Amino acid sequence: MKTPTELTQLFRHRGLKVTPQRQCIFRALHGDGSHPTAHAVFESLRNEMPTISLRTVYQTLNDLVALGEIQQFDVGTGAARFDPATGAHHHLVCTRCGAMRDVHCDLAGLSLPARQHHGFTMSGAEVIFRGLCANCSHATSHQKDAARK
């Protein structure tokens, strides 16, 4: 993802409004590997900028997606997630808490046989690995231990 300064310049170049709220959102996303929801971005900024609205957060995130500066994912956790990393990578998703992390792995053997293209022209593939994150796995272990006692 571009720096907040670069995003400000890009928005101005494209004729999009650059407001203090948008600049705050750019700063919040820069270097954030948590794949936040729009609501999580909104909540993280409310102390710094009490006047920010959830609508502004959504609009700015959608503008960033349209410009190709972030990616939007629906990984079945109930809300769209936003990823500032736009390069090729895959994801780990916790099935309990919804935590999401980037993973870079070799999937050289992954392909879709031509008979399964169903008329689609392939442009890429995304792989989502699902399981329990360390925190949820640890909590599950403690719950099992407590149940045995």
N, C-alpha and C. Protein backbone atom coordinates (compact mmCIF):
# COMPACT_ATOMS: atom_id res chain seq x y z
N MET A 1 0.84 -1.18 0.00
CA MET A 1 0.00 0.00 0.00
C MET A 1 0.88 1.23 0.00
N LYS A 2 0.43 2.22 -0.71
CA LYS A 2 1.16 3.48 -0.75
C LYS A 2 1.15 4.14 0.64
N THR A 3 2.05 5.06 0.83
CA THR A 3 2.09 5.81 2.09
C THR A 3 0.88 6.75 2.14
N PRO A 4 0.55 7.23 3.34
CA PRO A 4 -0.56 8.19 3.44
C PRO A 4 -0.34 9.43 2.55
N THR A 5 0.88 9.90 2.44
CA THR A 5 1.18 11.05 1.58
C THR A 5 0.92 10.71 0.11
N GLU A 6 1.36 9.53 -0.31
CA GLU A 6 1.13 9.11 -1.70
C GLU A 6 -0.36 8.94 -1.99
N LEU A 7 -1.11 8.41 -1.02
CA LEU A 7 -2.55 8.25 -1.21
C LEU A 7 -3.24 9.61 -1.31
N THR A 8 -2.79 10.56 -0.51
CA THR A 8 -3.32 11.92 -0.59
C THR A 8 -3.10 12.49 -1.98
N GLN A 9 -1.89 12.34 -2.50
CA GLN A 9 -1.58 12.83 -3.85
C GLN A 9 -2.41 12.11 -4.91
N LEU A 10 -2.59 10.80 -4.76
CA LEU A 10 -3.38 10.02 -5.71
C LEU A 10 -4.83 10.49 -5.72
N PHE A 11 -5.41 10.68 -4.55
CA PHE A 11 -6.80 11.14 -4.48
C PHE A 11 -6.94 12.51 -5.14
N ARG A 12 -6.01 13.41 -4.85
CA ARG A 12 -6.07 14.75 -5.47
C ARG A 12 -5.94 14.65 -6.98
N HIS A 13 -5.02 13.82 -7.44
CA HIS A 13 -4.80 13.63 -8.88
C HIS A 13 -6.06 13.09 -9.56
N ARG A 14 -6.79 12.23 -8.87
CA ARG A 14 -8.02 11.63 -9.43
C ARG A 14 -9.25 12.49 -9.20
N GLY A 15 -9.07 13.66 -8.58
CA GLY A 15 -10.20 14.55 -8.35
C GLY A 15 -11.08 14.15 -7.19
N LEU A 16 -10.57 13.31 -6.31
CA LEU A 16 -11.32 12.90 -5.12
C LEU A 16 -10.99 13.83 -3.96
N LYS A 17 -11.97 14.08 -3.14
CA LYS A 17 -11.77 14.97 -2.00
C LYS A 17 -10.75 14.37 -1.03
N VAL A 18 -9.89 15.23 -0.53
CA VAL A 18 -8.94 14.84 0.50
C VAL A 18 -9.30 15.64 1.75
N THR A 19 -9.82 14.93 2.73
CA THR A 19 -10.24 15.55 3.98
C THR A 19 -9.35 15.05 5.11
N PRO A 20 -9.36 15.74 6.24
CA PRO A 20 -8.61 15.21 7.39
C PRO A 20 -9.07 13.81 7.79
N GLN A 21 -10.37 13.52 7.63
CA GLN A 21 -10.89 12.20 7.96
C GLN A 21 -10.27 11.14 7.05
N ARG A 22 -10.22 11.44 5.75
CA ARG A 22 -9.62 10.49 4.82
C ARG A 22 -8.14 10.29 5.11
N GLN A 23 -7.44 11.35 5.41
CA GLN A 23 -6.02 11.23 5.72
C GLN A 23 -5.81 10.39 6.97
N CYS A 24 -6.72 10.51 7.92
CA CYS A 24 -6.67 9.70 9.14
C CYS A 24 -6.86 8.22 8.79
N ILE A 25 -7.76 7.93 7.87
CA ILE A 25 -8.01 6.55 7.43
C ILE A 25 -6.77 6.01 6.72
N PHE A 26 -6.14 6.83 5.87
CA PHE A 26 -4.92 6.40 5.19
C PHE A 26 -3.86 5.99 6.21
N ARG A 27 -3.69 6.80 7.26
CA ARG A 27 -2.69 6.50 8.29
C ARG A 27 -3.05 5.21 9.04
N ALA A 28 -4.32 5.02 9.31
CA ALA A 28 -4.76 3.83 10.05
C ALA A 28 -4.50 2.55 9.27
N LEU A 29 -4.67 2.61 7.96
CA LEU A 29 -4.49 1.41 7.13
C LEU A 29 -3.03 1.09 6.85
N HIS A 30 -2.20 2.14 6.81
CA HIS A 30 -0.80 1.94 6.44
C HIS A 30 -0.11 1.01 7.42
N GLY A 31 0.35 -0.13 6.91
CA GLY A 31 1.06 -1.11 7.73
C GLY A 31 0.17 -1.98 8.59
N ASP A 32 -1.16 -1.89 8.43
CA ASP A 32 -2.07 -2.70 9.22
C ASP A 32 -2.25 -4.06 8.56
N GLY A 33 -1.74 -5.10 9.18
CA GLY A 33 -1.85 -6.45 8.63
C GLY A 33 -3.01 -7.24 9.20
N SER A 34 -3.91 -6.58 9.93
CA SER A 34 -5.00 -7.30 10.58
C SER A 34 -6.21 -7.51 9.67
N HIS A 35 -6.22 -6.93 8.49
CA HIS A 35 -7.35 -7.03 7.57
C HIS A 35 -8.62 -6.54 8.23
N PRO A 36 -8.65 -5.27 8.63
CA PRO A 36 -9.77 -4.77 9.41
C PRO A 36 -11.07 -4.69 8.62
N THR A 37 -12.17 -4.71 9.34
CA THR A 37 -13.47 -4.39 8.76
C THR A 37 -13.59 -2.87 8.76
N ALA A 38 -14.57 -2.36 8.04
CA ALA A 38 -14.81 -0.91 8.04
C ALA A 38 -15.13 -0.45 9.45
N HIS A 39 -15.91 -1.25 10.17
CA HIS A 39 -16.28 -0.87 11.53
C HIS A 39 -15.05 -0.83 12.45
N ALA A 40 -14.12 -1.77 12.26
CA ALA A 40 -12.89 -1.78 13.06
C ALA A 40 -12.05 -0.54 12.78
N VAL A 41 -11.97 -0.13 11.51
CA VAL A 41 -11.24 1.10 11.17
C VAL A 41 -11.93 2.29 11.85
N PHE A 42 -13.24 2.34 11.74
CA PHE A 42 -14.03 3.42 12.36
C PHE A 42 -13.76 3.48 13.87
N GLU A 43 -13.84 2.35 14.55
CA GLU A 43 -13.63 2.32 16.00
C GLU A 43 -12.22 2.75 16.38
N SER A 44 -11.23 2.35 15.56
CA SER A 44 -9.84 2.69 15.88
C SER A 44 -9.57 4.19 15.74
N LEU A 45 -10.40 4.89 14.98
CA LEU A 45 -10.17 6.31 14.72
C LEU A 45 -11.03 7.24 15.56
N ARG A 46 -12.02 6.73 16.23
CA ARG A 46 -12.97 7.60 16.94
C ARG A 46 -12.32 8.47 18.01
N ASN A 47 -11.31 7.97 18.70
CA ASN A 47 -10.64 8.79 19.72
C ASN A 47 -9.82 9.91 19.08
N GLU A 48 -9.13 9.56 17.98
CA GLU A 48 -8.30 10.56 17.29
C GLU A 48 -9.15 11.59 16.56
N MET A 49 -10.28 11.14 16.00
CA MET A 49 -11.12 12.01 15.20
C MET A 49 -12.59 11.73 15.52
N PRO A 50 -13.10 12.34 16.58
CA PRO A 50 -14.48 12.06 17.00
C PRO A 50 -15.54 12.40 15.95
N THR A 51 -15.21 13.27 15.00
CA THR A 51 -16.20 13.68 14.00
C THR A 51 -16.27 12.73 12.80
N ILE A 52 -15.43 11.71 12.77
CA ILE A 52 -15.44 10.79 11.63
C ILE A 52 -16.73 9.98 11.64
N SER A 53 -17.25 9.73 10.45
CA SER A 53 -18.48 8.92 10.36
C SER A 53 -18.17 7.57 9.74
N LEU A 54 -19.00 6.60 10.05
CA LEU A 54 -18.85 5.27 9.48
C LEU A 54 -19.03 5.35 7.96
N ARG A 55 -19.91 6.21 7.51
CA ARG A 55 -20.12 6.39 6.07
C ARG A 55 -18.84 6.86 5.37
N THR A 56 -18.12 7.79 6.00
CA THR A 56 -16.85 8.27 5.43
C THR A 56 -15.84 7.14 5.35
N VAL A 57 -15.80 6.31 6.38
CA VAL A 57 -14.87 5.17 6.37
C VAL A 57 -15.22 4.24 5.22
N TYR A 58 -16.49 3.87 5.10
CA TYR A 58 -16.91 2.99 4.00
C TYR A 58 -16.59 3.60 2.64
N GLN A 59 -16.91 4.87 2.46
CA GLN A 59 -16.68 5.51 1.16
C GLN A 59 -15.19 5.54 0.83
N THR A 60 -14.37 5.86 1.80
CA THR A 60 -12.93 5.93 1.57
C THR A 60 -12.38 4.54 1.25
N LEU A 61 -12.80 3.53 2.00
CA LEU A 61 -12.36 2.16 1.72
C LEU A 61 -12.80 1.73 0.32
N ASN A 62 -14.03 2.02 -0.04
CA ASN A 62 -14.51 1.67 -1.39
C ASN A 62 -13.74 2.41 -2.47
N ASP A 63 -13.39 3.67 -2.23
CA ASP A 63 -12.57 4.42 -3.19
C ASP A 63 -11.19 3.79 -3.33
N LEU A 64 -10.60 3.38 -2.21
CA LEU A 64 -9.29 2.73 -2.25
C LEU A 64 -9.35 1.40 -3.00
N VAL A 65 -10.43 0.65 -2.82
CA VAL A 65 -10.60 -0.61 -3.56
C VAL A 65 -10.71 -0.31 -5.05
N ALA A 66 -11.53 0.67 -5.41
CA ALA A 66 -11.73 1.03 -6.82
C ALA A 66 -10.43 1.48 -7.48
N LEU A 67 -9.55 2.11 -6.71
CA LEU A 67 -8.26 2.56 -7.22
C LEU A 67 -7.21 1.45 -7.22
N GLY A 68 -7.55 0.28 -6.68
CA GLY A 68 -6.61 -0.83 -6.63
C GLY A 68 -5.56 -0.70 -5.54
N GLU A 69 -5.81 0.16 -4.56
CA GLU A 69 -4.83 0.39 -3.49
C GLU A 69 -4.99 -0.56 -2.32
N ILE A 70 -6.18 -1.13 -2.15
CA ILE A 70 -6.43 -2.16 -1.15
C ILE A 70 -7.34 -3.21 -1.79
N GLN A 71 -7.40 -4.36 -1.14
CA GLN A 71 -8.29 -5.43 -1.60
C GLN A 71 -9.41 -5.62 -0.58
N GLN A 72 -10.58 -5.99 -1.09
CA GLN A 72 -11.71 -6.29 -0.23
C GLN A 72 -12.00 -7.78 -0.31
N PHE A 73 -12.22 -8.40 0.86
CA PHE A 73 -12.49 -9.83 0.93
C PHE A 73 -13.73 -10.10 1.74
N ASP A 74 -14.48 -11.10 1.32
CA ASP A 74 -15.53 -11.66 2.14
C ASP A 74 -15.11 -13.10 2.40
N VAL A 75 -14.66 -13.36 3.60
CA VAL A 75 -14.15 -14.70 3.93
C VAL A 75 -15.11 -15.45 4.84
N GLY A 76 -16.35 -14.99 4.86
CA GLY A 76 -17.36 -15.69 5.63
C GLY A 76 -17.37 -15.37 7.11
N THR A 77 -16.79 -14.23 7.49
CA THR A 77 -16.76 -13.86 8.91
C THR A 77 -17.86 -12.86 9.26
N GLY A 78 -18.73 -12.56 8.30
CA GLY A 78 -19.87 -11.67 8.58
C GLY A 78 -19.69 -10.24 8.12
N ALA A 79 -18.49 -9.83 7.78
CA ALA A 79 -18.25 -8.47 7.32
C ALA A 79 -17.09 -8.48 6.33
N ALA A 80 -17.14 -7.57 5.39
CA ALA A 80 -16.04 -7.44 4.43
C ALA A 80 -14.78 -7.03 5.18
N ARG A 81 -13.67 -7.58 4.74
CA ARG A 81 -12.36 -7.27 5.32
C ARG A 81 -11.54 -6.54 4.27
N PHE A 82 -10.66 -5.66 4.70
CA PHE A 82 -9.86 -4.85 3.79
C PHE A 82 -8.38 -5.11 4.03
N ASP A 83 -7.67 -5.34 2.94
CA ASP A 83 -6.27 -5.74 3.00
C ASP A 83 -5.41 -4.73 2.23
N PRO A 84 -4.53 -4.02 2.94
CA PRO A 84 -3.64 -3.08 2.26
C PRO A 84 -2.57 -3.74 1.39
N ALA A 85 -2.35 -5.04 1.56
CA ALA A 85 -1.35 -5.75 0.75
C ALA A 85 -2.02 -6.20 -0.55
N THR A 86 -1.62 -5.62 -1.66
CA THR A 86 -2.28 -5.92 -2.93
C THR A 86 -1.51 -6.92 -3.78
N GLY A 87 -0.30 -7.28 -3.37
CA GLY A 87 0.47 -8.27 -4.12
C GLY A 87 -0.11 -9.67 -3.93
N ALA A 88 0.38 -10.60 -4.72
CA ALA A 88 -0.10 -11.98 -4.66
C ALA A 88 0.23 -12.61 -3.30
N HIS A 89 -0.80 -13.07 -2.62
CA HIS A 89 -0.63 -13.78 -1.36
C HIS A 89 -1.94 -14.47 -1.01
N HIS A 90 -1.90 -15.26 0.04
CA HIS A 90 -3.05 -16.03 0.47
C HIS A 90 -3.35 -15.66 1.92
N HIS A 91 -4.34 -16.31 2.52
CA HIS A 91 -4.75 -15.91 3.86
C HIS A 91 -5.02 -17.10 4.78
N LEU A 92 -4.77 -16.84 6.06
CA LEU A 92 -5.18 -17.71 7.16
C LEU A 92 -6.37 -17.02 7.83
N VAL A 93 -7.43 -17.76 8.13
CA VAL A 93 -8.60 -17.18 8.79
C VAL A 93 -8.97 -18.07 9.96
N CYS A 94 -9.12 -17.46 11.13
CA CYS A 94 -9.54 -18.20 12.32
C CYS A 94 -11.05 -18.44 12.24
N THR A 95 -11.44 -19.68 12.39
CA THR A 95 -12.86 -20.03 12.29
C THR A 95 -13.65 -19.62 13.53
N ARG A 96 -12.97 -19.24 14.59
CA ARG A 96 -13.68 -18.83 15.80
C ARG A 96 -13.79 -17.31 15.90
N CYS A 97 -12.68 -16.60 15.87
CA CYS A 97 -12.72 -15.15 16.09
C CYS A 97 -12.65 -14.33 14.80
N GLY A 98 -12.31 -14.97 13.68
CA GLY A 98 -12.25 -14.26 12.41
C GLY A 98 -10.93 -13.57 12.13
N ALA A 99 -9.93 -13.74 13.01
CA ALA A 99 -8.62 -13.14 12.76
C ALA A 99 -8.13 -13.59 11.38
N MET A 100 -7.45 -12.68 10.70
CA MET A 100 -7.01 -12.97 9.33
C MET A 100 -5.57 -12.50 9.18
N ARG A 101 -4.73 -13.33 8.58
CA ARG A 101 -3.32 -12.99 8.38
C ARG A 101 -2.90 -13.38 6.98
N ASP A 102 -1.94 -12.64 6.45
CA ASP A 102 -1.37 -12.95 5.13
C ASP A 102 -0.41 -14.12 5.25
N VAL A 103 -0.37 -14.95 4.23
CA VAL A 103 0.64 -16.00 4.11
C VAL A 103 1.16 -16.01 2.69
N HIS A 104 2.43 -16.25 2.57
CA HIS A 104 3.07 -16.35 1.27
C HIS A 104 3.60 -17.77 1.17
N CYS A 105 3.04 -18.53 0.25
CA CYS A 105 3.46 -19.92 0.11
C CYS A 105 3.43 -20.31 -1.36
N ASP A 106 4.17 -21.35 -1.68
CA ASP A 106 4.27 -21.83 -3.05
C ASP A 106 3.10 -22.76 -3.35
N LEU A 107 2.27 -22.35 -4.27
CA LEU A 107 1.14 -23.18 -4.69
C LEU A 107 1.30 -23.54 -6.16
N ALA A 108 2.56 -23.82 -6.55
CA ALA A 108 2.87 -24.07 -7.96
C ALA A 108 2.04 -25.20 -8.55
N GLY A 109 1.67 -26.19 -7.77
CA GLY A 109 0.91 -27.32 -8.29
C GLY A 109 -0.59 -27.06 -8.37
N LEU A 110 -1.05 -25.91 -7.91
CA LEU A 110 -2.47 -25.61 -7.92
C LEU A 110 -2.92 -25.16 -9.30
N SER A 111 -3.87 -25.87 -9.86
CA SER A 111 -4.43 -25.47 -11.14
C SER A 111 -5.85 -25.99 -11.24
N LEU A 112 -6.62 -25.38 -12.11
CA LEU A 112 -7.99 -25.79 -12.35
C LEU A 112 -8.05 -26.43 -13.72
N PRO A 113 -8.48 -27.69 -13.81
CA PRO A 113 -8.54 -28.34 -15.12
C PRO A 113 -9.46 -27.56 -16.06
N ALA A 114 -9.11 -27.51 -17.33
CA ALA A 114 -9.86 -26.73 -18.32
C ALA A 114 -11.34 -27.10 -18.33
N ARG A 115 -11.67 -28.36 -18.09
CA ARG A 115 -13.08 -28.79 -18.13
C ARG A 115 -13.90 -28.16 -16.99
N GLN A 116 -13.21 -27.61 -16.00
CA GLN A 116 -13.91 -26.99 -14.88
C GLN A 116 -13.91 -25.46 -14.94
N HIS A 117 -13.49 -24.89 -16.04
CA HIS A 117 -13.46 -23.43 -16.19
C HIS A 117 -14.87 -22.85 -16.36
N HIS A 118 -15.81 -23.64 -16.85
CA HIS A 118 -17.20 -23.21 -17.03
C HIS A 118 -17.30 -21.90 -17.81
N GLY A 119 -16.44 -21.73 -18.80
CA GLY A 119 -16.48 -20.53 -19.62
C GLY A 119 -15.73 -19.34 -19.05
N PHE A 120 -15.17 -19.49 -17.87
CA PHE A 120 -14.42 -18.39 -17.26
C PHE A 120 -13.02 -18.31 -17.86
N THR A 121 -12.49 -17.11 -17.93
CA THR A 121 -11.08 -16.90 -18.25
C THR A 121 -10.39 -16.64 -16.92
N MET A 122 -9.48 -17.50 -16.55
CA MET A 122 -8.82 -17.40 -15.24
C MET A 122 -7.87 -16.21 -15.20
N SER A 123 -7.94 -15.46 -14.10
CA SER A 123 -7.03 -14.33 -13.93
C SER A 123 -6.22 -14.45 -12.64
N GLY A 124 -6.55 -15.41 -11.81
CA GLY A 124 -5.81 -15.58 -10.57
C GLY A 124 -6.53 -16.55 -9.65
N ALA A 125 -5.91 -16.81 -8.52
CA ALA A 125 -6.50 -17.71 -7.53
C ALA A 125 -6.17 -17.18 -6.14
N GLU A 126 -7.12 -17.38 -5.23
CA GLU A 126 -6.91 -17.01 -3.83
C GLU A 126 -7.17 -18.26 -3.00
N VAL A 127 -6.30 -18.51 -2.05
CA VAL A 127 -6.48 -19.66 -1.18
C VAL A 127 -6.66 -19.15 0.24
N ILE A 128 -7.67 -19.70 0.91
CA ILE A 128 -7.92 -19.35 2.31
C ILE A 128 -7.75 -20.61 3.14
N PHE A 129 -6.79 -20.57 4.05
CA PHE A 129 -6.57 -21.65 4.99
C PHE A 129 -7.37 -21.31 6.24
N ARG A 130 -8.14 -22.26 6.75
CA ARG A 130 -8.97 -22.01 7.92
C ARG A 130 -8.53 -22.90 9.08
N GLY A 131 -8.65 -22.36 10.27
CA GLY A 131 -8.29 -23.10 11.48
C GLY A 131 -8.44 -22.18 12.67
N LEU A 132 -7.82 -22.54 13.77
CA LEU A 132 -7.87 -21.71 14.97
C LEU A 132 -6.56 -20.94 15.12
N CYS A 133 -6.68 -19.64 15.41
CA CYS A 133 -5.48 -18.84 15.67
C CYS A 133 -4.89 -19.28 17.00
N ALA A 134 -3.72 -18.79 17.32
CA ALA A 134 -3.04 -19.20 18.56
C ALA A 134 -3.89 -18.87 19.79
N ASN A 135 -4.52 -17.69 19.82
CA ASN A 135 -5.32 -17.30 20.98
C ASN A 135 -6.52 -18.23 21.16
N CYS A 136 -7.24 -18.50 20.08
CA CYS A 136 -8.42 -19.37 20.18
C CYS A 136 -8.03 -20.81 20.46
N SER A 137 -6.92 -21.25 19.90
CA SER A 137 -6.43 -22.60 20.16
C SER A 137 -6.05 -22.75 21.63
N HIS A 138 -5.39 -21.73 22.16
CA HIS A 138 -4.98 -21.72 23.56
C HIS A 138 -6.22 -21.74 24.46
N ALA A 139 -7.24 -20.94 24.13
CA ALA A 139 -8.48 -20.89 24.91
C ALA A 139 -9.19 -22.23 24.88
N THR A 140 -9.17 -22.89 23.73
CA THR A 140 -9.81 -24.21 23.60
C THR A 140 -9.11 -25.23 24.49
N SER A 141 -7.78 -25.17 24.52
CA SER A 141 -7.01 -26.09 25.38
C SER A 141 -7.36 -25.88 26.84
N HIS A 142 -7.47 -24.61 27.25
CA HIS A 142 -7.82 -24.32 28.64
C HIS A 142 -9.23 -24.78 28.98
N GLN A 143 -10.15 -24.64 28.03
CA GLN A 143 -11.54 -25.08 28.26
C GLN A 143 -11.58 -26.61 28.43
N LYS A 144 -10.82 -27.31 27.61
CA LYS A 144 -10.78 -28.77 27.70
C LYS A 144 -10.17 -29.20 29.03
N ASP A 145 -9.10 -28.50 29.45
CA ASP A 145 -8.47 -28.82 30.73
C ASP A 145 -9.43 -28.60 31.89
N ALA A 146 -10.17 -27.49 31.83
CA ALA A 146 -11.13 -27.17 32.91
C ALA A 146 -12.27 -28.19 32.94
N ALA A 147 -12.68 -28.67 31.79
CA ALA A 147 -13.77 -29.64 31.72
C ALA A 147 -13.35 -31.00 32.30
N ARG A 148 -12.07 -31.32 32.21
CA ARG A 148 -11.56 -32.60 32.73
C ARG A 148 -11.50 -32.61 34.26
N LYS A 149 -11.44 -31.44 34.85
CA LYS A 149 -11.25 -31.35 36.31
C LYS A 149 -12.53 -31.54 37.05
